[in-house]
Amino acid sequence: MKSDSMKQNIPLSCRKRSLIEDARRDRESASSSPGASRCGDGFVFDEDQTGKVTLNILFALHNEKNSGFFKAGKVFETFEAKLLHLESRASSSKRNSGDDLEFFMSCEVHCSDTDIFINSLKRIADDVRLVEEETALWFPRKISELDKCNHLITKFDPDLDQDHPGFSDPEYRKRRGMISEMAFNYKHGDPLPAVDYTPEENATWSEVYGTLRSLYPSHACKQFLHALIQLESEGLYTEHKIPQLREVSAFLRERTGFQLRPVAGLLSARDFLASLAFRVFQCTQYIRHPSAPMHSPEPDCCHELLGHEIGLVSLGASDEDIEKLSTLYWFTVEFGLCKQNGTVKAYGAGLLSSYGELLYALSNEPQYKAFDPAETAVQPYQDQSYQPVYFVSESFEDAKQKLRQYSTTIQKTFSIRYDPYTCCMEVLDELPKVQNALVKMRDELKVLVKALDRLVQK
């Protein structure tokens, strides 16, 4: 149940552009980029500045042997088509007499010639059809390739944005630049850099931590509280000093398989989600400006270290799906709520690191909706003020289960398996790869079944 309605006196600085906005911009720029052209039979091809388009064509030659191929070559010559790629193989058609061949050709022709070019081929060949070339987006295959996932989004930089609390503070800007440079220079396998935080930086952490810590018992979900107590008992989280990235990363890796990696600022949506697929959380090390300790409109170490499973499905996903996944991330990992013992609690890190919004989210002010990933993925978000809508899961486990189910609806031309032993992604595009994965899974299941039998016999 919600608490009584309450107005907050804590100002909210604008969050500027979020992960969702970044993903949306990438999708819009891709869809509006020059080169899309519709020619012949309703197919869409890439058109260059000369008016030429690339066609990918499949056709078959039945019992024609060399003569049919030479006739096809004459068509290419007549229309001055530039041959880019050629493959031939025995035809898979049921009519195959043993001499039939199937060809795949990629070529460039002028857009205005497309229809007559295709019709000319149909006169001398069978089963002529156009196919769209599938181009998979690059994504990291090995954990070391996260070094390439470093595309920063200029979001709320104190050197560039006059609204940043640190814009007029040259010392803060210099300090921020130094810490960011350490992250820029980091490579996988290097020791995580340690930062010698100043008394003023530790004081900012102390104010934030002490204030938020008093709210957690009544406002945070039990999973968050359990992890926080462990961190405090290990001496990694205290009110008096900012935790070091390497120490918290070692703690997380030992218990969850997740690890931290330094980052200089807000990453692009695709790079950030790709990192999560490797169980790597990109984490900043600079602290928010002391003039605005209760809310940060950008990711800083208070936010990263006080909170934060969507990454694997993002690999190779379309720009549209990346935007949906970013929106899901926003309304769950960042601003998610769940029910526990009949009471709504926060589990999102964006809430658990913002004093004002944490109180607001659990008041009577906002609207609550039941968490449904398909609906949540297209919900308009608010990055200029508190959210008018929050999504509430029946439980923390319910949120995870629904996210996993939603991930199966993301359409891709391949499947991926993450190998936790090698920290590599395996694209399951060949039968032996799938069979090998099943053998490994079967061996692991045997261990679990044997353990279960022993327990039952007791």
Protein backbone atom coordinates (compact mmCIF):
# COMPACT_ATOMS: atom_id res chain seq x y z
CA MET A 1 0.00 0.00 0.00
CA LYS A 2 1.08 3.59 -0.59
CA SER A 3 1.94 6.12 2.08
CA ASP A 4 0.08 9.39 2.46
CA SER A 5 0.48 11.96 -0.27
CA MET A 6 3.45 14.20 0.32
CA LYS A 7 5.14 17.01 -1.54
CA GLN A 8 8.92 17.02 -1.58
CA ASN A 9 10.99 20.11 -0.93
CA ILE A 10 14.02 18.53 -2.53
CA PRO A 11 14.70 20.00 -5.97
CA LEU A 12 15.08 17.62 -8.86
CA SER A 13 17.73 18.50 -11.38
CA CYS A 14 16.84 17.33 -14.90
CA ARG A 15 18.25 13.95 -15.81
CA LYS A 16 18.99 15.23 -19.29
CA ARG A 17 19.13 12.39 -21.82
CA SER A 18 18.63 8.86 -20.55
CA LEU A 19 19.61 5.44 -21.84
CA ILE A 20 16.20 5.31 -23.56
CA GLU A 21 16.72 8.60 -25.34
CA ASP A 22 20.09 7.40 -26.58
CA ALA A 23 18.56 4.17 -27.93
CA ARG A 24 15.72 6.11 -29.56
CA ARG A 25 18.15 8.47 -31.26
CA ASP A 26 20.13 5.54 -32.68
CA ARG A 27 16.94 3.97 -34.07
CA GLU A 28 15.69 7.20 -35.62
CA SER A 29 19.04 8.02 -37.19
CA ALA A 30 19.23 4.53 -38.69
CA SER A 31 15.73 4.70 -40.13
CA SER A 32 16.20 8.20 -41.54
CA SER A 33 19.69 7.71 -42.93
CA PRO A 34 20.04 8.17 -46.71
CA GLY A 35 20.16 5.09 -48.89
CA ALA A 36 16.75 3.49 -48.41
CA SER A 37 15.17 2.94 -51.81
CA ARG A 38 12.13 0.96 -52.92
CA CYS A 39 12.55 -0.52 -56.38
CA GLY A 40 10.82 -3.38 -58.13
CA ASP A 41 8.47 -5.90 -56.48
CA GLY A 42 8.32 -3.80 -53.32
CA PHE A 43 11.79 -4.79 -52.10
CA VAL A 44 13.96 -2.27 -50.29
CA PHE A 45 17.61 -1.94 -51.25
CA ASP A 46 20.51 0.38 -50.45
CA GLU A 47 20.79 3.13 -53.01
CA ASP A 48 23.99 5.13 -53.33
CA GLN A 49 24.41 8.68 -54.62
CA THR A 50 24.73 7.47 -58.24
CA GLY A 51 21.25 5.92 -58.16
CA LYS A 52 22.53 2.35 -58.13
CA VAL A 53 21.10 -0.32 -55.88
CA THR A 54 22.46 -3.62 -54.61
CA LEU A 55 20.36 -6.67 -55.50
CA ASN A 56 20.77 -10.14 -54.03
CA ILE A 57 19.31 -12.66 -56.46
CA LEU A 58 18.67 -16.40 -56.34
CA PHE A 59 17.88 -18.26 -59.57
CA ALA A 60 18.09 -21.79 -60.96
CA LEU A 61 19.21 -23.18 -64.33
CA HIS A 62 17.57 -26.49 -65.25
CA ASN A 63 19.35 -28.78 -67.74
CA GLU A 64 20.96 -25.81 -69.41
CA LYS A 65 24.53 -26.42 -68.30
CA ASN A 66 26.89 -23.76 -69.62
CA SER A 67 24.51 -22.12 -72.10
CA GLY A 68 22.11 -20.94 -69.40
CA PHE A 69 24.88 -19.35 -67.39
CA PHE A 70 26.24 -17.55 -70.46
CA LYS A 71 22.75 -16.22 -71.22
CA ALA A 72 22.49 -14.93 -67.65
CA GLY A 73 25.88 -13.28 -68.06
CA LYS A 74 24.58 -11.52 -71.17
CA VAL A 75 21.75 -9.99 -69.13
CA PHE A 76 24.27 -8.65 -66.62
CA GLU A 77 26.34 -7.22 -69.46
CA THR A 78 23.35 -5.56 -71.16
CA PHE A 79 22.33 -3.68 -68.02
CA GLU A 80 25.93 -2.91 -67.04
CA ALA A 81 25.39 -4.72 -63.75
CA LYS A 82 28.44 -4.87 -61.51
CA LEU A 83 28.90 -8.37 -60.12
CA LEU A 84 29.86 -8.26 -56.44
CA HIS A 85 29.52 -11.88 -55.38
CA LEU A 86 28.73 -15.22 -57.03
CA GLU A 87 27.97 -18.66 -55.55
CA SER A 88 26.74 -21.83 -57.27
CA ARG A 89 25.57 -25.19 -55.94
CA ALA A 90 23.51 -28.21 -56.94
CA SER A 91 19.86 -27.29 -56.98
CA SER A 92 17.83 -28.38 -53.94
CA SER A 93 14.65 -28.45 -56.01
CA LYS A 94 12.68 -31.70 -56.17
CA ARG A 95 12.91 -31.39 -59.96
CA ASN A 96 16.69 -31.63 -59.79
CA SER A 97 17.92 -33.94 -62.54
CA GLY A 98 21.52 -33.96 -61.34
CA ASP A 99 22.68 -31.29 -63.77
CA ASP A 100 20.55 -28.45 -62.39
CA LEU A 101 22.36 -25.58 -60.67
CA GLU A 102 21.28 -22.88 -58.26
CA PHE A 103 23.02 -19.49 -58.23
CA PHE A 104 23.27 -16.66 -55.74
CA MET A 105 24.46 -13.34 -57.13
CA SER A 106 24.96 -9.98 -55.55
CA CYS A 107 25.18 -7.13 -58.03
CA GLU A 108 24.76 -3.40 -58.54
CA VAL A 109 22.30 -2.02 -61.14
CA HIS A 110 20.64 1.33 -61.65
CA CYS A 111 17.39 1.67 -59.73
CA SER A 112 15.39 2.56 -62.86
CA ASP A 113 16.50 -0.71 -64.54
CA THR A 114 15.55 -3.03 -61.67
CA ASP A 115 12.20 -4.31 -62.94
CA ILE A 116 13.28 -4.97 -66.53
CA PHE A 117 16.56 -6.49 -65.29
CA ILE A 118 14.68 -9.02 -63.13
CA ASN A 119 12.18 -9.78 -65.92
CA SER A 120 15.05 -10.41 -68.37
CA LEU A 121 16.56 -12.93 -65.96
CA LYS A 122 13.20 -14.66 -65.60
CA ARG A 123 13.15 -15.31 -69.36
CA ILE A 124 16.29 -17.44 -69.27
CA ALA A 125 16.26 -18.81 -65.68
CA ASP A 126 13.83 -20.47 -63.28
CA ASP A 127 12.81 -19.57 -59.71
CA VAL A 128 14.24 -16.06 -59.91
CA ARG A 129 13.73 -14.31 -56.58
CA LEU A 130 15.19 -11.46 -54.62
CA VAL A 131 16.46 -11.95 -51.07
CA GLU A 132 17.30 -9.42 -48.45
CA GLU A 133 20.85 -9.69 -47.21
CA GLU A 134 20.98 -10.21 -43.48
CA THR A 135 23.68 -8.14 -41.88
CA ALA A 136 24.22 -8.90 -38.19
CA LEU A 137 25.20 -6.00 -36.00
CA TRP A 138 28.59 -6.31 -34.33
CA PHE A 139 28.62 -7.33 -30.71
CA PRO A 140 31.42 -8.49 -28.41
CA ARG A 141 32.13 -12.23 -28.44
CA LYS A 142 34.81 -12.22 -25.71
CA ILE A 143 34.86 -10.30 -22.47
CA SER A 144 38.08 -8.58 -23.54
CA GLU A 145 36.15 -7.02 -26.46
CA LEU A 146 34.30 -4.86 -23.97
CA ASP A 147 37.33 -2.59 -24.44
CA LYS A 148 35.61 -1.65 -27.72
CA CYS A 149 32.28 -0.90 -26.02
CA ASN A 150 33.32 2.59 -24.98
CA HIS A 151 30.99 4.90 -26.91
CA LEU A 152 30.16 7.68 -24.48
CA ILE A 153 27.08 9.84 -24.77
CA THR A 154 27.61 13.54 -24.04
CA LYS A 155 24.86 13.85 -21.49
CA PHE A 156 25.52 16.02 -18.50
CA ASP A 157 29.20 16.93 -18.63
CA PRO A 158 30.41 19.72 -16.29
CA ASP A 159 32.71 20.98 -19.05
CA LEU A 160 29.85 21.38 -21.53
CA ASP A 161 26.51 21.80 -19.76
CA GLN A 162 25.85 25.07 -17.92
CA ASP A 163 23.10 23.38 -15.85
CA HIS A 164 25.58 20.95 -14.30
CA PRO A 165 26.15 21.82 -10.61
CA GLY A 166 29.90 21.61 -11.21
CA PHE A 167 30.00 23.81 -14.34
CA SER A 168 31.33 26.84 -12.45
CA ASP A 169 33.68 24.85 -10.24
CA PRO A 170 37.06 24.51 -12.03
CA GLU A 171 38.51 22.28 -9.31
CA TYR A 172 35.61 19.85 -9.56
CA ARG A 173 35.88 19.78 -13.35
CA LYS A 174 39.60 19.09 -13.17
CA ARG A 175 39.09 16.33 -10.61
CA ARG A 176 36.25 14.80 -12.64
CA GLY A 177 38.43 14.82 -15.78
CA MET A 178 41.29 13.08 -13.98
CA ILE A 179 39.07 10.25 -12.68
CA SER A 180 37.41 9.86 -16.09
CA GLU A 181 40.83 9.60 -17.75
CA MET A 182 41.66 6.61 -15.53
CA ALA A 183 38.54 4.86 -16.88
CA PHE A 184 39.37 5.77 -20.50
CA ASN A 185 42.80 4.13 -20.14
CA TYR A 186 41.51 0.95 -18.48
CA LYS A 187 41.76 -2.32 -20.44
CA HIS A 188 40.32 -5.72 -19.54
CA GLY A 189 42.76 -7.60 -17.33
CA ASP A 190 44.23 -4.48 -15.77
CA PRO A 191 43.82 -4.04 -12.01
CA LEU A 192 40.78 -1.89 -11.34
CA PRO A 193 42.04 1.64 -10.63
CA ALA A 194 41.84 2.92 -7.07
CA VAL A 195 40.86 6.52 -6.39
CA ASP A 196 42.23 8.44 -3.44
CA TYR A 197 39.06 10.32 -2.58
CA THR A 198 39.32 13.74 -0.95
CA PRO A 199 37.73 14.64 2.41
CA GLU A 200 35.11 16.71 0.57
CA GLU A 201 34.20 13.77 -1.71
CA ASN A 202 33.89 11.43 1.25
CA ALA A 203 31.73 14.02 3.02
CA THR A 204 29.33 14.08 0.04
CA TRP A 205 29.13 10.28 0.15
CA SER A 206 28.54 10.39 3.90
CA GLU A 207 25.61 12.78 3.55
CA VAL A 208 23.99 10.74 0.79
CA TYR A 209 24.61 7.37 2.44
CA GLY A 210 23.43 8.42 5.90
CA THR A 211 20.22 9.99 4.59
CA LEU A 212 19.30 7.11 2.29
CA ARG A 213 20.32 4.44 4.81
CA SER A 214 17.64 5.69 7.19
CA LEU A 215 14.95 5.06 4.54
CA TYR A 216 16.04 1.62 3.38
CA PRO A 217 14.47 -0.52 6.18
CA SER A 218 10.99 0.81 5.34
CA HIS A 219 11.32 1.52 1.60
CA ALA A 220 13.76 -1.02 0.08
CA CYS A 221 13.01 -4.62 -0.92
CA LYS A 222 14.47 -7.44 1.17
CA GLN A 223 16.90 -8.56 -1.56
CA PHE A 224 18.53 -5.14 -1.57
CA LEU A 225 18.68 -5.01 2.22
CA HIS A 226 20.23 -8.48 2.39
CA ALA A 227 23.01 -7.49 -0.02
CA LEU A 228 23.57 -4.15 1.73
CA ILE A 229 23.97 -5.79 5.13
CA GLN A 230 26.56 -8.17 3.66
CA LEU A 231 28.50 -5.26 2.18
CA GLU A 232 28.42 -3.44 5.50
CA SER A 233 29.47 -6.50 7.48
CA GLU A 234 32.47 -6.92 5.16
CA GLY A 235 33.44 -3.31 5.82
CA LEU A 236 33.02 -2.40 2.14
CA TYR A 237 30.16 0.03 2.75
CA THR A 238 30.46 2.55 5.53
CA GLU A 239 29.07 6.02 6.00
CA HIS A 240 32.52 7.57 6.20
CA LYS A 241 34.23 6.72 2.92
CA ILE A 242 33.43 5.97 -0.71
CA PRO A 243 33.85 2.25 -1.52
CA GLN A 244 36.65 1.29 -3.87
CA LEU A 245 35.58 -0.30 -7.14
CA ARG A 246 38.04 -3.21 -6.97
CA GLU A 247 36.87 -4.28 -3.50
CA VAL A 248 33.17 -4.18 -4.35
CA SER A 249 33.84 -5.95 -7.67
CA ALA A 250 35.65 -8.80 -5.89
CA PHE A 251 32.70 -9.11 -3.47
CA LEU A 252 30.16 -9.26 -6.30
CA ARG A 253 32.17 -11.69 -8.41
CA GLU A 254 32.57 -14.16 -5.57
CA ARG A 255 28.84 -14.20 -4.79
CA THR A 256 27.07 -13.54 -8.09
CA GLY A 257 29.56 -13.84 -10.96
CA PHE A 258 29.09 -10.13 -11.72
CA GLN A 259 32.03 -7.77 -11.79
CA LEU A 260 32.53 -4.04 -12.15
CA ARG A 261 34.45 -2.12 -14.76
CA PRO A 262 35.33 1.58 -14.69
CA VAL A 263 33.65 3.85 -17.21
CA ALA A 264 34.13 7.56 -17.90
CA GLY A 265 30.42 8.44 -18.22
CA LEU A 266 27.13 7.39 -19.76
CA LEU A 267 27.65 4.68 -22.39
CA SER A 268 25.54 4.18 -25.48
CA ALA A 269 22.53 1.94 -24.78
CA ARG A 270 23.87 -0.90 -26.97
CA ASP A 271 27.33 -0.91 -25.35
CA PHE A 272 25.93 -0.71 -21.82
CA LEU A 273 23.50 -3.60 -22.32
CA ALA A 274 26.19 -5.68 -24.08
CA SER A 275 28.36 -5.37 -20.99
CA LEU A 276 25.59 -6.76 -18.81
CA ALA A 277 25.50 -9.86 -21.04
CA PHE A 278 29.02 -10.68 -19.80
CA ARG A 279 27.95 -10.03 -16.20
CA VAL A 280 29.95 -6.80 -16.26
CA PHE A 281 28.49 -3.60 -14.87
CA GLN A 282 30.09 -0.42 -16.19
CA CYS A 283 30.56 1.83 -13.18
CA THR A 284 31.70 5.44 -12.82
CA GLN A 285 34.07 6.41 -10.00
CA TYR A 286 33.52 10.16 -9.73
CA ILE A 287 31.14 11.57 -7.12
CA ARG A 288 28.31 14.04 -7.66
CA HIS A 289 28.91 17.71 -6.94
CA PRO A 290 28.54 18.59 -3.22
CA SER A 291 26.01 21.33 -4.01
CA ALA A 292 23.43 18.71 -5.09
CA PRO A 293 24.02 15.63 -2.93
CA MET A 294 20.45 14.29 -2.74
CA HIS A 295 19.98 13.69 -6.45
CA SER A 296 22.27 13.25 -9.39
CA PRO A 297 20.98 13.75 -12.94
CA GLU A 298 23.80 11.51 -14.22
CA PRO A 299 25.33 8.19 -13.18
CA ASP A 300 27.91 8.53 -10.44
CA CYS A 301 29.37 6.14 -7.90
CA CYS A 302 26.54 6.69 -5.37
CA HIS A 303 24.06 5.50 -7.95
CA GLU A 304 26.17 2.67 -9.37
CA LEU A 305 27.25 1.25 -6.04
CA LEU A 306 23.80 1.38 -4.44
CA GLY A 307 21.93 -0.84 -6.67
CA HIS A 308 21.83 -2.51 -10.18
CA GLU A 309 19.55 -8.82 -15.89
CA ILE A 310 18.64 -7.73 -19.62
CA GLY A 311 22.07 -7.77 -21.36
CA LEU A 312 22.28 -11.10 -23.15
CA VAL A 313 19.17 -10.58 -25.28
CA SER A 314 20.45 -7.19 -26.45
CA LEU A 315 23.35 -8.71 -28.42
CA GLY A 316 22.64 -8.33 -32.11
CA ALA A 317 19.13 -6.99 -31.44
CA SER A 318 17.57 -4.38 -33.71
CA ASP A 319 17.65 -0.70 -32.81
CA GLU A 320 13.91 -0.87 -32.11
CA ASP A 321 14.39 -3.74 -29.64
CA ILE A 322 17.34 -1.96 -28.03
CA GLU A 323 15.01 0.97 -27.31
CA LYS A 324 12.43 -1.38 -25.78
CA LEU A 325 15.07 -3.13 -23.67
CA SER A 326 16.39 0.25 -22.51
CA THR A 327 12.86 1.25 -21.49
CA LEU A 328 12.48 -2.02 -19.57
CA TYR A 329 15.80 -1.37 -17.88
CA TRP A 330 14.58 2.12 -16.93
CA PHE A 331 11.33 0.91 -15.34
CA THR A 332 12.85 -2.11 -13.58
CA VAL A 333 16.53 -1.94 -12.73
CA GLU A 334 16.35 1.84 -12.34
CA PHE A 335 12.82 2.60 -11.11
CA GLY A 336 11.23 -0.77 -10.36
CA LEU A 337 8.83 -1.51 -7.49
CA CYS A 338 7.65 -4.87 -6.16
CA LYS A 339 5.24 -6.19 -3.53
CA GLN A 340 6.48 -7.77 -0.33
CA ASN A 341 4.16 -8.81 2.50
CA GLY A 342 1.38 -6.68 1.07
CA THR A 343 3.54 -3.55 0.90
CA VAL A 344 5.16 -1.92 -2.12
CA LYS A 345 8.95 -1.73 -1.90
CA ALA A 346 11.64 -0.30 -4.17
CA TYR A 347 14.28 -2.39 -5.90
CA GLY A 348 15.33 0.01 -8.67
CA ALA A 349 18.75 1.60 -8.19
CA GLY A 350 17.57 4.97 -9.52
CA LEU A 351 15.04 5.10 -6.69
CA LEU A 352 17.35 3.70 -4.03
CA SER A 353 19.95 6.38 -4.77
CA SER A 354 17.55 9.36 -4.90
CA TYR A 355 16.11 10.45 -1.56
CA GLY A 356 13.37 12.66 -3.02
CA GLU A 357 12.14 10.23 -5.66
CA LEU A 358 12.24 7.27 -3.29
CA LEU A 359 9.82 9.06 -0.97
CA TYR A 360 7.69 10.24 -3.90
CA ALA A 361 7.49 6.80 -5.57
CA LEU A 362 6.09 5.23 -2.40
CA SER A 363 3.59 8.04 -1.75
CA ASN A 364 0.08 8.50 -3.15
CA GLU A 365 1.27 10.87 -5.88
CA PRO A 366 2.23 8.56 -8.80
CA GLN A 367 0.15 6.01 -10.68
CA TYR A 368 0.93 2.33 -10.22
CA LYS A 369 0.58 -0.25 -13.01
CA ALA A 370 1.05 -4.02 -12.83
CA PHE A 371 4.36 -4.99 -14.40
CA ASP A 372 3.82 -6.36 -17.90
CA PRO A 373 7.05 -6.24 -19.97
CA ALA A 374 5.22 -5.82 -23.30
CA GLU A 375 3.37 -2.77 -21.95
CA THR A 376 6.31 -1.44 -19.97
CA ALA A 377 8.62 -1.58 -23.01
CA VAL A 378 6.56 1.10 -24.80
CA GLN A 379 5.63 3.26 -21.80
CA PRO A 380 6.64 6.93 -22.26
CA TYR A 381 9.27 7.80 -19.68
CA GLN A 382 9.93 11.05 -17.86
CA ASP A 383 13.47 12.37 -17.57
CA GLN A 384 12.68 15.96 -16.58
CA SER A 385 10.91 15.17 -13.29
CA TYR A 386 9.74 12.24 -11.20
CA GLN A 387 7.96 9.43 -13.00
CA PRO A 388 4.17 9.81 -13.21
CA VAL A 389 3.89 6.01 -13.62
CA TYR A 390 5.74 3.18 -11.89
CA PHE A 391 5.38 -0.53 -12.61
CA VAL A 392 4.84 -2.87 -9.66
CA SER A 393 5.73 -6.57 -9.80
CA GLU A 394 3.96 -9.16 -7.67
CA SER A 395 7.38 -10.03 -6.29
CA PHE A 396 11.04 -9.54 -7.11
CA GLU A 397 11.15 -13.06 -8.55
CA ASP A 398 8.04 -12.31 -10.62
CA ALA A 399 9.85 -9.41 -12.28
CA LYS A 400 12.82 -11.61 -13.20
CA GLN A 401 10.60 -14.41 -14.53
CA LYS A 402 8.58 -12.03 -16.72
CA LEU A 403 11.72 -10.40 -18.07
CA ARG A 404 13.14 -13.80 -19.02
CA GLN A 405 9.87 -14.69 -20.75
CA TYR A 406 9.84 -11.38 -22.63
CA SER A 407 13.41 -11.96 -23.82
CA THR A 408 12.23 -15.01 -25.78
CA THR A 409 10.02 -12.74 -27.91
CA ILE A 410 12.96 -10.71 -29.27
CA GLN A 411 13.38 -11.83 -32.87
CA LYS A 412 16.94 -12.50 -34.05
CA THR A 413 18.42 -14.66 -36.78
CA PHE A 414 20.66 -16.54 -34.37
CA SER A 415 20.83 -17.82 -30.80
CA ILE A 416 23.59 -17.07 -28.31
CA ARG A 417 24.92 -19.03 -25.37
CA TYR A 418 27.15 -17.46 -22.74
CA ASP A 419 29.96 -19.69 -21.48
CA PRO A 420 30.72 -18.57 -17.91
CA TYR A 421 33.96 -20.59 -17.85
CA THR A 422 35.56 -18.78 -20.79
CA CYS A 423 33.50 -15.58 -20.51
CA CYS A 424 32.76 -15.84 -24.23
CA MET A 425 29.61 -15.69 -26.34
CA GLU A 426 28.96 -18.70 -28.56
CA VAL A 427 26.74 -18.13 -31.59
CA LEU A 428 24.75 -21.34 -32.03
CA ASP A 429 24.69 -21.32 -35.82
CA GLU A 430 25.86 -24.91 -36.43
CA LEU A 431 24.41 -28.26 -35.31
CA PRO A 432 27.67 -29.48 -33.63
CA LYS A 433 27.70 -26.33 -31.44
CA VAL A 434 24.17 -27.00 -30.23
CA GLN A 435 24.94 -30.69 -29.63
CA ASN A 436 28.06 -29.79 -27.64
CA ALA A 437 26.08 -27.35 -25.49
CA LEU A 438 23.45 -30.02 -24.81
CA VAL A 439 26.16 -32.51 -23.74
CA LYS A 440 27.51 -29.99 -21.23
CA MET A 441 24.02 -29.29 -19.93
CA ARG A 442 23.27 -33.01 -19.62
CA ASP A 443 26.42 -33.56 -17.54
CA GLU A 444 25.46 -30.70 -15.22
CA LEU A 445 21.93 -32.06 -14.87
CA LYS A 446 23.34 -35.49 -13.89
CA VAL A 447 25.18 -33.84 -10.98
CA LEU A 448 22.00 -32.08 -9.85
CA VAL A 449 19.86 -35.22 -10.16
CA LYS A 450 22.39 -37.24 -8.13
CA ALA A 451 22.45 -34.56 -5.44
CA LEU A 452 18.64 -34.49 -5.33
CA ASP A 453 18.48 -38.29 -4.99
CA ARG A 454 20.86 -38.21 -2.00
CA LEU A 455 18.78 -35.56 -0.28
CA VAL A 456 15.53 -37.45 -0.88
CA GLN A 457 17.02 -40.67 0.49
CA LYS A 458 17.92 -38.90 3.71
